[in-house]
Amino acid sequence: MDKISLPDTCLSCVHYQQQGLKHDELAKRLDWLGYPIPAKRQRFGYCQKSEANVFWDERCSRHSSDPLINTHACPVRPKPLETRQDVLF
């Protein structure tokens, strides 16, 4: 059986719990043809490891995906939903 593939962001992390949708000013502004689109709502959830709300396309140093999931590269958002301190050691 083939593994599923998810972006290597919070969405594929074992610590991420989906909460719902939230308006995102940093959401993609162009459609697949290059035409402008309005800002939209994005998936957001709760990270149990950092104890913070996160958008699905964030990534931190504590990311750990399930061994049954393949991950692929994904652009990371420039600014997190909530500011948090990463573990330095």
Protein backbone atom coordinates (compact mmCIF):
# COMPACT_ATOMS: atom_id res chain seq x y z
CA MET A 1 0.00 0.00 0.00
CA ASP A 2 1.30 3.45 -0.89
CA LYS A 3 1.80 6.09 1.75
CA ILE A 4 -0.14 9.34 1.57
CA SER A 5 1.78 12.56 0.94
CA LEU A 6 1.21 15.80 2.86
CA PRO A 7 3.12 19.11 2.94
CA ASP A 8 6.01 19.23 5.43
CA THR A 9 4.20 21.81 7.56
CA CYS A 10 2.04 21.72 10.70
CA LEU A 11 -0.68 19.91 8.73
CA SER A 12 1.44 16.73 8.63
CA CYS A 13 2.74 17.01 12.22
CA VAL A 14 1.58 14.56 14.90
CA HIS A 15 1.21 17.45 17.39
CA TYR A 16 -1.30 19.38 15.20
CA GLN A 17 -5.04 19.27 15.97
CA GLN A 18 -7.39 20.87 13.43
CA GLN A 19 -9.65 23.57 14.97
CA GLY A 20 -11.39 25.20 12.00
CA LEU A 21 -10.96 28.08 9.54
CA LYS A 22 -9.67 31.59 10.18
CA HIS A 23 -9.27 34.65 7.94
CA ASP A 24 -5.67 34.90 6.73
CA GLU A 25 -4.20 38.11 5.31
CA LEU A 26 -1.13 36.18 4.10
CA ALA A 27 -3.12 33.63 2.09
CA LYS A 28 -2.30 33.04 -1.55
CA ARG A 29 -3.38 36.03 -3.65
CA LEU A 30 -3.25 34.51 -7.14
CA ASP A 31 -5.16 31.57 -8.57
CA TRP A 32 -3.54 28.84 -10.67
CA LEU A 33 -3.92 31.00 -13.82
CA GLY A 34 -2.24 34.01 -12.18
CA TYR A 35 -5.40 36.07 -11.66
CA PRO A 36 -5.78 37.95 -8.36
CA ILE A 37 -8.14 36.54 -5.74
CA PRO A 38 -9.30 38.05 -2.42
CA ALA A 39 -7.77 37.01 0.90
CA LYS A 40 -9.45 33.89 2.22
CA ARG A 41 -9.84 31.68 5.23
CA GLN A 42 -7.20 29.05 5.94
CA ARG A 43 -7.14 25.95 8.12
CA PHE A 44 -5.81 26.54 11.60
CA GLY A 45 -5.32 24.32 14.60
CA TYR A 46 -3.66 23.86 17.94
CA CYS A 47 -0.08 22.65 18.37
CA GLN A 48 0.20 20.50 21.49
CA LYS A 49 3.99 20.77 21.52
CA SER A 50 4.27 24.58 21.45
CA GLU A 51 0.83 25.12 23.05
CA ALA A 52 -0.15 27.74 20.46
CA ASN A 53 -2.64 28.25 17.65
CA VAL A 54 -1.02 27.73 14.25
CA PHE A 55 -1.99 27.95 10.58
CA TRP A 56 -1.62 24.73 8.60
CA ASP A 57 1.30 26.09 6.54
CA GLU A 58 3.59 26.97 9.47
CA ARG A 59 6.62 24.87 10.40
CA CYS A 60 8.72 24.74 13.55
CA SER A 61 11.86 22.95 14.71
CA ARG A 62 9.75 20.38 16.61
CA HIS A 63 7.93 19.09 13.51
CA SER A 64 7.56 15.30 13.50
CA SER A 65 5.41 13.52 10.95
CA ASP A 66 3.81 10.11 11.23
CA PRO A 67 6.07 7.35 9.79
CA LEU A 68 3.20 6.25 7.51
CA ILE A 69 3.10 9.68 5.81
CA ASN A 70 5.43 10.94 3.09
CA THR A 71 6.01 14.69 3.19
CA HIS A 72 6.82 17.03 0.31
CA ALA A 73 8.23 20.56 0.26
CA CYS A 74 5.78 23.42 0.70
CA PRO A 75 6.34 27.19 0.94
CA VAL A 76 6.33 28.27 4.58
CA ARG A 77 4.35 31.32 5.67
CA PRO A 78 6.45 34.39 6.56
CA LYS A 79 4.62 35.18 9.81
CA PRO A 80 3.06 32.78 12.37
CA LEU A 81 -0.50 33.09 13.71
CA GLU A 82 0.83 33.43 17.29
CA THR A 83 4.37 34.37 18.28
CA ARG A 84 6.11 31.60 20.19
CA GLN A 85 9.60 30.71 21.36
CA ASP A 86 11.24 27.68 19.74
CA VAL A 87 13.32 25.32 21.86
CA LEU A 88 16.99 26.16 21.32
CA PHE A 89 18.47 22.89 22.55
